[in-house]
Amino acid sequence: EVPVLPDYAWLTLGQIQQLSTMDNIVNMDSRTVIGCLPFDFLDEDQA
């Protein structure tokens, strides 16, 4: 369990990417970390 302070929240990567399409919401540093993430195909095609 991680204690969550008021200025923090748990978001999925999909939610963060949606916010990235809005002006001046997701900062440059968040984008650089997310840009380092590797992706692999999912086994379940329906996803």
PDB file of all heavy atoms in Angstrom:
ATOM      1  N   GLU A   1       0.837  -1.193   0.000  1.00  0.00           N
ATOM      2  CA  GLU A   1       0.000   0.000   0.000  1.00  0.00           C
ATOM      3  C   GLU A   1       0.877   1.249   0.000  1.00  0.00           C
ATOM      4  O   GLU A   1       1.869   1.332   0.712  1.00  0.00           O
ATOM      5  CB  GLU A   1      -0.897  -0.004   1.236  1.00  0.00           C
ATOM      6  CG  GLU A   1      -1.999   1.023   1.213  1.00  0.00           C
ATOM      7  CD  GLU A   1      -3.059   0.707   0.172  1.00  0.00           C
ATOM      8  OE1 GLU A   1      -3.237  -0.475  -0.171  1.00  0.00           O
ATOM      9  OE2 GLU A   1      -3.724   1.654  -0.290  1.00  0.00           O
ATOM     10  N   VAL A   2       0.523   2.215  -0.826  1.00  0.00           N
ATOM     11  CA  VAL A   2       1.250   3.485  -0.900  1.00  0.00           C
ATOM     12  C   VAL A   2       0.334   4.598  -0.408  1.00  0.00           C
ATOM     13  O   VAL A   2      -0.765   4.782  -0.947  1.00  0.00           O
ATOM     14  CB  VAL A   2       1.694   3.787  -2.360  1.00  0.00           C
ATOM     15  CG1 VAL A   2       2.418   5.135  -2.420  1.00  0.00           C
ATOM     16  CG2 VAL A   2       2.581   2.674  -2.894  1.00  0.00           C
ATOM     17  N   PRO A   3       0.745   5.343   0.621  1.00  0.00           N
ATOM     18  CA  PRO A   3      -0.094   6.466   1.061  1.00  0.00           C
ATOM     19  C   PRO A   3      -0.168   7.532  -0.023  1.00  0.00           C
ATOM     20  O   PRO A   3       0.860   7.921  -0.600  1.00  0.00           O
ATOM     21  CB  PRO A   3       0.640   6.985   2.306  1.00  0.00           C
ATOM     22  CG  PRO A   3       2.052   6.515   2.149  1.00  0.00           C
ATOM     23  CD  PRO A   3       1.986   5.228   1.404  1.00  0.00           C
ATOM     24  N   VAL A   4      -1.376   7.985  -0.338  1.00  0.00           N
ATOM     25  CA  VAL A   4      -1.569   8.949  -1.420  1.00  0.00           C
ATOM     26  C   VAL A   4      -1.851  10.322  -0.827  1.00  0.00           C
ATOM     27  O   VAL A   4      -2.879  10.528  -0.168  1.00  0.00           O
ATOM     28  CB  VAL A   4      -2.711   8.515  -2.360  1.00  0.00           C
ATOM     29  CG1 VAL A   4      -2.917   9.550  -3.461  1.00  0.00           C
ATOM     30  CG2 VAL A   4      -2.406   7.143  -2.955  1.00  0.00           C
ATOM     31  N   LEU A   5      -0.953  11.257  -1.042  1.00  0.00           N
ATOM     32  CA  LEU A   5      -1.126  12.624  -0.569  1.00  0.00           C
ATOM     33  C   LEU A   5      -2.151  13.358  -1.443  1.00  0.00           C
ATOM     34  O   LEU A   5      -2.407  12.950  -2.590  1.00  0.00           O
ATOM     35  CB  LEU A   5       0.219  13.344  -0.591  1.00  0.00           C
ATOM     36  CG  LEU A   5       1.294  12.738   0.333  1.00  0.00           C
ATOM     37  CD1 LEU A   5       2.638  13.415   0.108  1.00  0.00           C
ATOM     38  CD2 LEU A   5       0.882  12.827   1.793  1.00  0.00           C
ATOM     39  N   PRO A   6      -2.711  14.463  -0.956  1.00  0.00           N
ATOM     40  CA  PRO A   6      -3.806  15.129  -1.693  1.00  0.00           C
ATOM     41  C   PRO A   6      -3.456  15.577  -3.109  1.00  0.00           C
ATOM     42  O   PRO A   6      -4.342  15.604  -3.974  1.00  0.00           O
ATOM     43  CB  PRO A   6      -4.133  16.333  -0.803  1.00  0.00           C
ATOM     44  CG  PRO A   6      -3.727  15.909   0.567  1.00  0.00           C
ATOM     45  CD  PRO A   6      -2.525  15.049   0.381  1.00  0.00           C
ATOM     46  N   ASP A   7      -2.196  15.934  -3.372  1.00  0.00           N
ATOM     47  CA  ASP A   7      -1.816  16.410  -4.703  1.00  0.00           C
ATOM     48  C   ASP A   7      -1.452  15.280  -5.656  1.00  0.00           C
ATOM     49  O   ASP A   7      -0.918  15.534  -6.742  1.00  0.00           O
ATOM     50  CB  ASP A   7      -0.638  17.382  -4.597  1.00  0.00           C
ATOM     51  CG  ASP A   7      -1.026  18.700  -3.957  1.00  0.00           C
ATOM     52  OD1 ASP A   7      -2.229  19.017  -3.916  1.00  0.00           O
ATOM     53  OD2 ASP A   7      -0.126  19.426  -3.481  1.00  0.00           O
ATOM     54  N   TYR A   8      -1.725  14.032  -5.273  1.00  0.00           N
ATOM     55  CA  TYR A   8      -1.345  12.860  -6.060  1.00  0.00           C
ATOM     56  C   TYR A   8      -2.566  12.005  -6.354  1.00  0.00           C
ATOM     57  O   TYR A   8      -3.531  11.986  -5.576  1.00  0.00           O
ATOM     58  CB  TYR A   8      -0.308  12.010  -5.317  1.00  0.00           C
ATOM     59  CG  TYR A   8       1.017  12.704  -5.092  1.00  0.00           C
ATOM     60  CD1 TYR A   8       1.147  13.680  -4.113  1.00  0.00           C
ATOM     61  CD2 TYR A   8       2.135  12.389  -5.850  1.00  0.00           C
ATOM     62  CE1 TYR A   8       2.353  14.328  -3.893  1.00  0.00           C
ATOM     63  CE2 TYR A   8       3.354  13.021  -5.633  1.00  0.00           C
ATOM     64  CZ  TYR A   8       3.453  13.994  -4.662  1.00  0.00           C
ATOM     65  OH  TYR A   8       4.651  14.627  -4.447  1.00  0.00           O
ATOM     66  N   ALA A   9      -2.528  11.274  -7.478  1.00  0.00           N
ATOM     67  CA  ALA A   9      -3.626  10.378  -7.828  1.00  0.00           C
ATOM     68  C   ALA A   9      -3.111   9.259  -8.725  1.00  0.00           C
ATOM     69  O   ALA A   9      -2.129   9.434  -9.466  1.00  0.00           O
ATOM     70  CB  ALA A   9      -4.753  11.133  -8.529  1.00  0.00           C
ATOM     71  N   TRP A  10      -3.790   8.098  -8.662  1.00  0.00           N
ATOM     72  CA  TRP A  10      -3.466   6.963  -9.522  1.00  0.00           C
ATOM     73  C   TRP A  10      -4.209   7.105 -10.852  1.00  0.00           C
ATOM     74  O   TRP A  10      -5.433   7.206 -10.873  1.00  0.00           O
ATOM     75  CB  TRP A  10      -3.883   5.655  -8.862  1.00  0.00           C
ATOM     76  CG  TRP A  10      -3.110   5.299  -7.626  1.00  0.00           C
ATOM     77  CD1 TRP A  10      -3.561   5.343  -6.339  1.00  0.00           C
ATOM     78  CD2 TRP A  10      -1.771   4.804  -7.566  1.00  0.00           C
ATOM     79  NE1 TRP A  10      -2.574   4.929  -5.475  1.00  0.00           N
ATOM     80  CE2 TRP A  10      -1.466   4.588  -6.204  1.00  0.00           C
ATOM     81  CE3 TRP A  10      -0.785   4.535  -8.522  1.00  0.00           C
ATOM     82  CZ2 TRP A  10      -0.231   4.106  -5.769  1.00  0.00           C
ATOM     83  CZ3 TRP A  10       0.452   4.057  -8.102  1.00  0.00           C
ATOM     84  CH2 TRP A  10       0.723   3.840  -6.751  1.00  0.00           C
ATOM     85  N   LEU A  11      -3.474   7.076 -11.949  1.00  0.00           N
ATOM     86  CA  LEU A  11      -4.064   7.167 -13.288  1.00  0.00           C
ATOM     87  C   LEU A  11      -3.494   6.062 -14.162  1.00  0.00           C
ATOM     88  O   LEU A  11      -2.320   5.681 -14.023  1.00  0.00           O
ATOM     89  CB  LEU A  11      -3.753   8.524 -13.929  1.00  0.00           C
ATOM     90  CG  LEU A  11      -4.215   9.781 -13.184  1.00  0.00           C
ATOM     91  CD1 LEU A  11      -3.737  11.017 -13.927  1.00  0.00           C
ATOM     92  CD2 LEU A  11      -5.724   9.795 -13.021  1.00  0.00           C
ATOM     93  N   THR A  12      -4.300   5.555 -15.077  1.00  0.00           N
ATOM     94  CA  THR A  12      -3.774   4.610 -16.059  1.00  0.00           C
ATOM     95  C   THR A  12      -2.965   5.365 -17.109  1.00  0.00           C
ATOM     96  O   THR A  12      -3.096   6.593 -17.271  1.00  0.00           O
ATOM     97  CB  THR A  12      -4.901   3.841 -16.763  1.00  0.00           C
ATOM     98  OG1 THR A  12      -5.611   4.749 -17.633  1.00  0.00           O
ATOM     99  CG2 THR A  12      -5.855   3.206 -15.778  1.00  0.00           C
ATOM    100  N   LEU A  13      -2.151   4.623 -17.834  1.00  0.00           N
ATOM    101  CA  LEU A  13      -1.393   5.245 -18.915  1.00  0.00           C
ATOM    102  C   LEU A  13      -2.328   5.791 -19.981  1.00  0.00           C
ATOM    103  O   LEU A  13      -2.066   6.850 -20.574  1.00  0.00           O
ATOM    104  CB  LEU A  13      -0.427   4.224 -19.514  1.00  0.00           C
ATOM    105  CG  LEU A  13       0.548   4.723 -20.579  1.00  0.00           C
ATOM    106  CD1 LEU A  13       1.363   5.898 -20.067  1.00  0.00           C
ATOM    107  CD2 LEU A  13       1.468   3.583 -21.029  1.00  0.00           C
ATOM    108  N   GLY A  14      -3.438   5.115 -20.215  1.00  0.00           N
ATOM    109  CA  GLY A  14      -4.412   5.611 -21.181  1.00  0.00           C
ATOM    110  C   GLY A  14      -4.999   6.944 -20.760  1.00  0.00           C
ATOM    111  O   GLY A  14      -5.201   7.839 -21.590  1.00  0.00           O
ATOM    112  N   GLN A  15      -5.273   7.114 -19.470  1.00  0.00           N
ATOM    113  CA  GLN A  15      -5.788   8.395 -18.984  1.00  0.00           C
ATOM    114  C   GLN A  15      -4.743   9.497 -19.135  1.00  0.00           C
ATOM    115  O   GLN A  15      -5.066  10.622 -19.529  1.00  0.00           O
ATOM    116  CB  GLN A  15      -6.222   8.252 -17.518  1.00  0.00           C
ATOM    117  CG  GLN A  15      -7.476   7.414 -17.335  1.00  0.00           C
ATOM    118  CD  GLN A  15      -7.811   7.200 -15.871  1.00  0.00           C
ATOM    119  OE1 GLN A  15      -6.963   6.845 -15.063  1.00  0.00           O
ATOM    120  NE2 GLN A  15      -9.078   7.423 -15.515  1.00  0.00           N
ATOM    121  N   ILE A  16      -3.491   9.176 -18.831  1.00  0.00           N
ATOM    122  CA  ILE A  16      -2.424  10.175 -18.968  1.00  0.00           C
ATOM    123  C   ILE A  16      -2.262  10.582 -20.422  1.00  0.00           C
ATOM    124  O   ILE A  16      -2.082  11.762 -20.744  1.00  0.00           O
ATOM    125  CB  ILE A  16      -1.093   9.619 -18.410  1.00  0.00           C
ATOM    126  CG1 ILE A  16      -1.233   9.312 -16.918  1.00  0.00           C
ATOM    127  CG2 ILE A  16       0.045  10.607 -18.629  1.00  0.00           C
ATOM    128  CD1 ILE A  16      -0.088   8.500 -16.344  1.00  0.00           C
ATOM    129  N   GLN A  17      -2.350   9.605 -21.318  1.00  0.00           N
ATOM    130  CA  GLN A  17      -2.220   9.924 -22.738  1.00  0.00           C
ATOM    131  C   GLN A  17      -3.389  10.777 -23.222  1.00  0.00           C
ATOM    132  O   GLN A  17      -3.209  11.668 -24.060  1.00  0.00           O
ATOM    133  CB  GLN A  17      -2.104   8.630 -23.547  1.00  0.00           C
ATOM    134  CG  GLN A  17      -0.775   7.917 -23.321  1.00  0.00           C
ATOM    135  CD  GLN A  17      -0.699   6.579 -24.033  1.00  0.00           C
ATOM    136  OE1 GLN A  17      -1.693   5.870 -24.144  1.00  0.00           O
ATOM    137  NE2 GLN A  17       0.483   6.218 -24.498  1.00  0.00           N
ATOM    138  N   GLN A  18      -4.590  10.518 -22.713  1.00  0.00           N
ATOM    139  CA  GLN A  18      -5.722  11.376 -23.058  1.00  0.00           C
ATOM    140  C   GLN A  18      -5.480  12.812 -22.588  1.00  0.00           C
ATOM    141  O   GLN A  18      -5.760  13.773 -23.316  1.00  0.00           O
ATOM    142  CB  GLN A  18      -7.000  10.826 -22.433  1.00  0.00           C
ATOM    143  CG  GLN A  18      -7.581   9.612 -23.128  1.00  0.00           C
ATOM    144  CD  GLN A  18      -8.888   9.175 -22.496  1.00  0.00           C
ATOM    145  OE1 GLN A  18      -8.994   9.003 -21.287  1.00  0.00           O
ATOM    146  NE2 GLN A  18      -9.908   8.998 -23.320  1.00  0.00           N
ATOM    147  N   LEU A  19      -4.957  12.967 -21.377  1.00  0.00           N
ATOM    148  CA  LEU A  19      -4.663  14.305 -20.854  1.00  0.00           C
ATOM    149  C   LEU A  19      -3.554  14.984 -21.661  1.00  0.00           C
ATOM    150  O   LEU A  19      -3.513  16.214 -21.755  1.00  0.00           O
ATOM    151  CB  LEU A  19      -4.254  14.215 -19.383  1.00  0.00           C
ATOM    152  CG  LEU A  19      -5.341  13.734 -18.414  1.00  0.00           C
ATOM    153  CD1 LEU A  19      -4.740  13.492 -17.037  1.00  0.00           C
ATOM    154  CD2 LEU A  19      -6.491  14.728 -18.331  1.00  0.00           C
ATOM    155  N   SER A  20      -2.666  14.180 -22.259  1.00  0.00           N
ATOM    156  CA  SER A  20      -1.567  14.738 -23.050  1.00  0.00           C
ATOM    157  C   SER A  20      -2.044  15.425 -24.315  1.00  0.00           C
ATOM    158  O   SER A  20      -1.312  16.213 -24.920  1.00  0.00           O
ATOM    159  CB  SER A  20      -0.563  13.627 -23.432  1.00  0.00           C
ATOM    160  OG  SER A  20       0.030  13.077 -22.284  1.00  0.00           O
ATOM    161  N   THR A  21      -3.280  15.136 -24.730  1.00  0.00           N
ATOM    162  CA  THR A  21      -3.825  15.803 -25.919  1.00  0.00           C
ATOM    163  C   THR A  21      -4.374  17.186 -25.586  1.00  0.00           C
ATOM    164  O   THR A  21      -4.769  17.917 -26.488  1.00  0.00           O
ATOM    165  CB  THR A  21      -4.941  14.960 -26.552  1.00  0.00           C
ATOM    166  OG1 THR A  21      -6.057  14.887 -25.659  1.00  0.00           O
ATOM    167  CG2 THR A  21      -4.453  13.545 -26.854  1.00  0.00           C
ATOM    168  N   MET A  22      -4.401  17.540 -24.308  1.00  0.00           N
ATOM    169  CA  MET A  22      -4.890  18.849 -23.873  1.00  0.00           C
ATOM    170  C   MET A  22      -3.695  19.774 -23.652  1.00  0.00           C
ATOM    171  O   MET A  22      -2.632  19.353 -23.195  1.00  0.00           O
ATOM    172  CB  MET A  22      -5.697  18.708 -22.578  1.00  0.00           C
ATOM    173  CG  MET A  22      -6.875  17.760 -22.696  1.00  0.00           C
ATOM    174  SD  MET A  22      -7.613  17.333 -21.076  1.00  0.00           S
ATOM    175  CE  MET A  22      -8.170  18.951 -20.533  1.00  0.00           C
ATOM    176  N   ASP A  23      -3.867  21.049 -23.974  1.00  0.00           N
ATOM    177  CA  ASP A  23      -2.766  22.004 -23.839  1.00  0.00           C
ATOM    178  C   ASP A  23      -2.384  22.200 -22.379  1.00  0.00           C
ATOM    179  O   ASP A  23      -3.242  22.415 -21.505  1.00  0.00           O
ATOM    180  CB  ASP A  23      -3.170  23.371 -24.428  1.00  0.00           C
ATOM    181  CG  ASP A  23      -3.321  23.338 -25.936  1.00  0.00           C
ATOM    182  OD1 ASP A  23      -2.799  22.400 -26.562  1.00  0.00           O
ATOM    183  OD2 ASP A  23      -3.976  24.250 -26.479  1.00  0.00           O
ATOM    184  N   ASN A  24      -1.075  22.140 -22.120  1.00  0.00           N
ATOM    185  CA  ASN A  24      -0.492  22.595 -20.854  1.00  0.00           C
ATOM    186  C   ASN A  24      -1.032  21.874 -19.617  1.00  0.00           C
ATOM    187  O   ASN A  24      -1.150  22.473 -18.546  1.00  0.00           O
ATOM    188  CB  ASN A  24      -0.707  24.112 -20.684  1.00  0.00           C
ATOM    189  CG  ASN A  24      -0.266  24.898 -21.891  1.00  0.00           C
ATOM    190  OD1 ASN A  24       0.849  24.722 -22.378  1.00  0.00           O
ATOM    191  ND2 ASN A  24      -1.143  25.745 -22.402  1.00  0.00           N
ATOM    192  N   ILE A  25      -1.333  20.580 -19.746  1.00  0.00           N
ATOM    193  CA  ILE A  25      -1.788  19.801 -18.598  1.00  0.00           C
ATOM    194  C   ILE A  25      -0.711  18.809 -18.142  1.00  0.00           C
ATOM    195  O   ILE A  25      -0.346  18.779 -16.970  1.00  0.00           O
ATOM    196  CB  ILE A  25      -3.104  19.045 -18.907  1.00  0.00           C
ATOM    197  CG1 ILE A  25      -4.225  20.049 -19.227  1.00  0.00           C
ATOM    198  CG2 ILE A  25      -3.499  18.152 -17.741  1.00  0.00           C
ATOM    199  CD1 ILE A  25      -4.583  20.974 -18.077  1.00  0.00           C
ATOM    200  N   VAL A  26      -0.185  18.002 -19.051  1.00  0.00           N
ATOM    201  CA  VAL A  26       0.852  17.023 -18.715  1.00  0.00           C
ATOM    202  C   VAL A  26       2.216  17.641 -19.016  1.00  0.00           C
ATOM    203  O   VAL A  26       2.482  18.041 -20.143  1.00  0.00           O
ATOM    204  CB  VAL A  26       0.663  15.720 -19.510  1.00  0.00           C
ATOM    205  CG1 VAL A  26       1.759  14.717 -19.158  1.00  0.00           C
ATOM    206  CG2 VAL A  26      -0.708  15.129 -19.236  1.00  0.00           C
ATOM    207  N   ASN A  27       3.082  17.709 -17.998  1.00  0.00           N
ATOM    208  CA  ASN A  27       4.339  18.428 -18.197  1.00  0.00           C
ATOM    209  C   ASN A  27       5.357  17.615 -18.986  1.00  0.00           C
ATOM    210  O   ASN A  27       5.184  16.418 -19.242  1.00  0.00           O
ATOM    211  CB  ASN A  27       4.901  18.929 -16.856  1.00  0.00           C
ATOM    212  CG  ASN A  27       5.640  17.875 -16.058  1.00  0.00           C
ATOM    213  OD1 ASN A  27       5.658  16.692 -16.385  1.00  0.00           O
ATOM    214  ND2 ASN A  27       6.257  18.306 -14.965  1.00  0.00           N
ATOM    215  N   MET A  28       6.435  18.280 -19.372  1.00  0.00           N
ATOM    216  CA  MET A  28       7.456  17.664 -20.204  1.00  0.00           C
ATOM    217  C   MET A  28       8.106  16.470 -19.520  1.00  0.00           C
ATOM    218  O   MET A  28       8.412  15.451 -20.153  1.00  0.00           O
ATOM    219  CB  MET A  28       8.523  18.699 -20.546  1.00  0.00           C
ATOM    220  CG  MET A  28       9.683  18.178 -21.375  1.00  0.00           C
ATOM    221  SD  MET A  28      11.061  19.335 -21.391  1.00  0.00           S
ATOM    222  CE  MET A  28      11.618  19.226 -19.689  1.00  0.00           C
ATOM    223  N   ASP A  29       8.322  16.553 -18.203  1.00  0.00           N
ATOM    224  CA  ASP A  29       9.018  15.480 -17.496  1.00  0.00           C
ATOM    225  C   ASP A  29       8.189  14.204 -17.470  1.00  0.00           C
ATOM    226  O   ASP A  29       8.733  13.104 -17.599  1.00  0.00           O
ATOM    227  CB  ASP A  29       9.356  15.937 -16.075  1.00  0.00           C
ATOM    228  CG  ASP A  29      10.363  17.078 -16.069  1.00  0.00           C
ATOM    229  OD1 ASP A  29      11.285  17.048 -16.898  1.00  0.00           O
ATOM    230  OD2 ASP A  29      10.227  17.998 -15.255  1.00  0.00           O
ATOM    231  N   SER A  30       6.875  14.327 -17.302  1.00  0.00           N
ATOM    232  CA  SER A  30       6.016  13.140 -17.383  1.00  0.00           C
ATOM    233  C   SER A  30       6.111  12.502 -18.761  1.00  0.00           C
ATOM    234  O   SER A  30       6.184  11.275 -18.902  1.00  0.00           O
ATOM    235  CB  SER A  30       4.557  13.529 -17.097  1.00  0.00           C
ATOM    236  OG  SER A  30       4.400  14.014 -15.781  1.00  0.00           O
ATOM    237  N   ARG A  31       6.121  13.333 -19.768  1.00  0.00           N
ATOM    238  CA  ARG A  31       6.174  12.821 -21.143  1.00  0.00           C
ATOM    239  C   ARG A  31       7.486  12.093 -21.424  1.00  0.00           C
ATOM    240  O   ARG A  31       7.506  11.088 -22.148  1.00  0.00           O
ATOM    241  CB  ARG A  31       5.970  13.971 -22.138  1.00  0.00           C
ATOM    242  CG  ARG A  31       4.575  14.598 -22.060  1.00  0.00           C
ATOM    243  CD  ARG A  31       4.503  15.911 -22.837  1.00  0.00           C
ATOM    244  NE  ARG A  31       3.233  16.589 -22.640  1.00  0.00           N
ATOM    245  CZ  ARG A  31       2.193  16.513 -23.449  1.00  0.00           C
ATOM    246  NH1 ARG A  31       2.269  15.771 -24.542  1.00  0.00           N
ATOM    247  NH2 ARG A  31       1.078  17.169 -23.198  1.00  0.00           N
ATOM    248  N   THR A  32       8.605  12.594 -20.862  1.00  0.00           N
ATOM    249  CA  THR A  32       9.883  11.931 -21.133  1.00  0.00           C
ATOM    250  C   THR A  32       9.943  10.565 -20.460  1.00  0.00           C
ATOM    251  O   THR A  32      10.511   9.621 -21.025  1.00  0.00           O
ATOM    252  CB  THR A  32      11.069  12.792 -20.667  1.00  0.00           C
ATOM    253  OG1 THR A  32      11.020  12.961 -19.246  1.00  0.00           O
ATOM    254  CG2 THR A  32      11.076  14.138 -21.335  1.00  0.00           C
ATOM    255  N   VAL A  33       9.368  10.434 -19.263  1.00  0.00           N
ATOM    256  CA  VAL A  33       9.358   9.121 -18.606  1.00  0.00           C
ATOM    257  C   VAL A  33       8.476   8.152 -19.385  1.00  0.00           C
ATOM    258  O   VAL A  33       8.871   7.014 -19.666  1.00  0.00           O
ATOM    259  CB  VAL A  33       8.884   9.239 -17.143  1.00  0.00           C
ATOM    260  CG1 VAL A  33       8.839   7.848 -16.497  1.00  0.00           C
ATOM    261  CG2 VAL A  33       9.797  10.157 -16.339  1.00  0.00           C
ATOM    262  N   ILE A  34       7.285   8.594 -19.757  1.00  0.00           N
ATOM    263  CA  ILE A  34       6.371   7.733 -20.504  1.00  0.00           C
ATOM    264  C   ILE A  34       6.977   7.332 -21.852  1.00  0.00           C
ATOM    265  O   ILE A  34       6.761   6.216 -22.343  1.00  0.00           O
ATOM    266  CB  ILE A  34       5.019   8.447 -20.688  1.00  0.00           C
ATOM    267  CG1 ILE A  34       4.303   8.541 -19.338  1.00  0.00           C
ATOM    268  CG2 ILE A  34       4.138   7.721 -21.707  1.00  0.00           C
ATOM    269  CD1 ILE A  34       3.089   9.428 -19.345  1.00  0.00           C
ATOM    270  N   GLY A  35       7.769   8.238 -22.433  1.00  0.00           N
ATOM    271  CA  GLY A  35       8.414   7.920 -23.703  1.00  0.00           C
ATOM    272  C   GLY A  35       9.428   6.797 -23.613  1.00  0.00           C
ATOM    273  O   GLY A  35       9.855   6.254 -24.644  1.00  0.00           O
ATOM    274  N   CYS A  36       9.829   6.416 -22.399  1.00  0.00           N
ATOM    275  CA  CYS A  36      10.797   5.328 -22.214  1.00  0.00           C
ATOM    276  C   CYS A  36      10.136   3.962 -22.063  1.00  0.00           C
ATOM    277  O   CYS A  36      10.834   2.946 -21.972  1.00  0.00           O
ATOM    278  CB  CYS A  36      11.655   5.600 -20.969  1.00  0.00           C
ATOM    279  SG  CYS A  36      12.638   7.102 -21.038  1.00  0.00           S
ATOM    280  N   LEU A  37       8.809   3.909 -22.005  1.00  0.00           N
ATOM    281  CA  LEU A  37       8.128   2.649 -21.722  1.00  0.00           C
ATOM    282  C   LEU A  37       8.118   1.743 -22.952  1.00  0.00           C
ATOM    283  O   LEU A  37       7.760   2.176 -24.046  1.00  0.00           O
ATOM    284  CB  LEU A  37       6.682   2.908 -21.283  1.00  0.00           C
ATOM    285  CG  LEU A  37       6.479   3.844 -20.091  1.00  0.00           C
ATOM    286  CD1 LEU A  37       4.994   3.903 -19.725  1.00  0.00           C
ATOM    287  CD2 LEU A  37       7.311   3.420 -18.903  1.00  0.00           C
ATOM    288  N   PRO A  38       8.474   0.470 -22.789  1.00  0.00           N
ATOM    289  CA  PRO A  38       8.376  -0.488 -23.904  1.00  0.00           C
ATOM    290  C   PRO A  38       6.983  -1.094 -23.963  1.00  0.00           C
ATOM    291  O   PRO A  38       6.293  -1.217 -22.952  1.00  0.00           O
ATOM    292  CB  PRO A  38       9.409  -1.553 -23.514  1.00  0.00           C
ATOM    293  CG  PRO A  38       9.374  -1.553 -22.009  1.00  0.00           C
ATOM    294  CD  PRO A  38       9.101  -0.121 -21.595  1.00  0.00           C
ATOM    295  N   PHE A  39       6.554  -1.478 -25.163  1.00  0.00           N
ATOM    296  CA  PHE A  39       5.239  -2.108 -25.346  1.00  0.00           C
ATOM    297  C   PHE A  39       5.399  -3.448 -26.056  1.00  0.00           C
ATOM    298  O   PHE A  39       6.246  -3.592 -26.950  1.00  0.00           O
ATOM    299  CB  PHE A  39       4.312  -1.211 -26.160  1.00  0.00           C
ATOM    300  CG  PHE A  39       3.942   0.076 -25.467  1.00  0.00           C
ATOM    301  CD1 PHE A  39       4.557   1.270 -25.806  1.00  0.00           C
ATOM    302  CD2 PHE A  39       2.981   0.086 -24.469  1.00  0.00           C
ATOM    303  CE1 PHE A  39       4.221   2.453 -25.170  1.00  0.00           C
ATOM    304  CE2 PHE A  39       2.637   1.265 -23.820  1.00  0.00           C
ATOM    305  CZ  PHE A  39       3.260   2.453 -24.174  1.00  0.00           C
ATOM    306  N   ASP A  40       4.563  -4.414 -25.664  1.00  0.00           N
ATOM    307  CA  ASP A  40       4.482  -5.715 -26.338  1.00  0.00           C
ATOM    308  C   ASP A  40       3.027  -5.982 -26.694  1.00  0.00           C
ATOM    309  O   ASP A  40       2.115  -5.519 -26.002  1.00  0.00           O
ATOM    310  CB  ASP A  40       4.973  -6.855 -25.433  1.00  0.00           C
ATOM    311  CG  ASP A  40       6.467  -6.801 -25.184  1.00  0.00           C
ATOM    312  OD1 ASP A  40       7.185  -6.260 -26.046  1.00  0.00           O
ATOM    313  OD2 ASP A  40       6.906  -7.282 -24.116  1.00  0.00           O
ATOM    314  N   PHE A  41       2.819  -6.773 -27.753  1.00  0.00           N
ATOM    315  CA  PHE A  41       1.463  -7.164 -28.122  1.00  0.00           C
ATOM    316  C   PHE A  41       0.807  -7.951 -26.990  1.00  0.00           C
ATOM    317  O   PHE A  41       1.457  -8.733 -26.291  1.00  0.00           O
ATOM    318  CB  PHE A  41       1.455  -8.026 -29.394  1.00  0.00           C
ATOM    319  CG  PHE A  41       1.565  -7.232 -30.662  1.00  0.00           C
ATOM    320  CD1 PHE A  41       2.648  -7.397 -31.516  1.00  0.00           C
ATOM    321  CD2 PHE A  41       0.584  -6.324 -31.005  1.00  0.00           C
ATOM    322  CE1 PHE A  41       2.747  -6.673 -32.682  1.00  0.00           C
ATOM    323  CE2 PHE A  41       0.671  -5.590 -32.185  1.00  0.00           C
ATOM    324  CZ  PHE A  41       1.765  -5.765 -33.010  1.00  0.00           C
ATOM    325  N   LEU A  42      -0.482  -7.749 -26.803  1.00  0.00           N
ATOM    326  CA  LEU A  42      -1.251  -8.526 -25.843  1.00  0.00           C
ATOM    327  C   LEU A  42      -1.663  -9.851 -26.461  1.00  0.00           C
ATOM    328  O   LEU A  42      -1.864  -9.964 -27.675  1.00  0.00           O
ATOM    329  CB  LEU A  42      -2.504  -7.750 -25.413  1.00  0.00           C
ATOM    330  CG  LEU A  42      -2.254  -6.465 -24.611  1.00  0.00           C
ATOM    331  CD1 LEU A  42      -3.556  -5.678 -24.487  1.00  0.00           C
ATOM    332  CD2 LEU A  42      -1.720  -6.795 -23.230  1.00  0.00           C
ATOM    333  N   ASP A  43      -1.783 -10.874 -25.607  1.00  0.00           N
ATOM    334  CA  ASP A  43      -2.226 -12.176 -26.097  1.00  0.00           C
ATOM    335  C   ASP A  43      -3.697 -12.146 -26.484  1.00  0.00           C
ATOM    336  O   ASP A  43      -4.126 -12.758 -27.450  1.00  0.00           O
ATOM    337  CB  ASP A  43      -2.009 -13.247 -25.017  1.00  0.00           C
ATOM    338  CG  ASP A  43      -0.520 -13.452 -24.728  1.00  0.00           C
ATOM    339  OD1 ASP A  43       0.283 -13.295 -25.665  1.00  0.00           O
ATOM    340  OD2 ASP A  43      -0.193 -13.763 -23.576  1.00  0.00           O
ATOM    341  N   GLU A  44      -4.486 -11.395 -25.701  1.00  0.00           N
ATOM    342  CA  GLU A  44      -5.918 -11.360 -25.966  1.00  0.00           C
ATOM    343  C   GLU A  44      -6.225 -10.283 -27.009  1.00  0.00           C
ATOM    344  O   GLU A  44      -6.139  -9.096 -26.732  1.00  0.00           O
ATOM    345  CB  GLU A  44      -6.722 -11.112 -24.683  1.00  0.00           C
ATOM    346  CG  GLU A  44      -6.421  -9.811 -23.955  1.00  0.00           C
ATOM    347  CD  GLU A  44      -5.286  -9.912 -22.948  1.00  0.00           C
ATOM    348  OE1 GLU A  44      -4.392 -10.775 -23.127  1.00  0.00           O
ATOM    349  OE2 GLU A  44      -5.283  -9.130 -22.006  1.00  0.00           O
ATOM    350  N   ASP A  45      -6.555 -10.695 -28.216  1.00  0.00           N
ATOM    351  CA  ASP A  45      -6.777  -9.764 -29.316  1.00  0.00           C
ATOM    352  C   ASP A  45      -7.950  -8.838 -29.045  1.00  0.00           C
ATOM    353  O   ASP A  45      -7.995  -7.706 -29.524  1.00  0.00           O
ATOM    354  CB  ASP A  45      -7.025 -10.535 -30.616  1.00  0.00           C
ATOM    355  CG  ASP A  45      -7.218  -9.605 -31.798  1.00  0.00           C
ATOM    356  OD1 ASP A  45      -6.229  -8.951 -32.190  1.00  0.00           O
ATOM    357  OD2 ASP A  45      -8.338  -9.513 -32.316  1.00  0.00           O
ATOM    358  N   GLN A  46      -8.929  -9.311 -28.227  1.00  0.00           N
ATOM    359  CA  GLN A  46     -10.093  -8.479 -27.996  1.00  0.00           C
ATOM    360  C   GLN A  46      -9.749  -7.206 -27.234  1.00  0.00           C
ATOM    361  O   GLN A  46     -10.559  -6.264 -27.182  1.00  0.00           O
ATOM    362  CB  GLN A  46     -11.174  -9.264 -27.238  1.00  0.00           C
ATOM    363  CG  GLN A  46     -10.798  -9.637 -25.805  1.00  0.00           C
ATOM    364  CD  GLN A  46     -10.075 -10.965 -25.716  1.00  0.00           C
ATOM    365  OE1 GLN A  46      -9.578 -11.464 -26.723  1.00  0.00           O
ATOM    366  NE2 GLN A  46     -10.039 -11.540 -24.530  1.00  0.00           N
ATOM    367  N   ALA A  47      -8.569  -7.143 -26.615  1.00  0.00           N
ATOM    368  CA  ALA A  47      -8.191  -5.945 -25.864  1.00  0.00           C
ATOM    369  C   ALA A  47      -7.694  -4.834 -26.777  1.00  0.00           C
ATOM    370  O   ALA A  47      -7.587  -3.683 -26.351  1.00  0.00           O
ATOM    371  CB  ALA A  47      -7.111  -6.280 -24.835  1.00  0.00           C
TER     372      ALA A  47
END
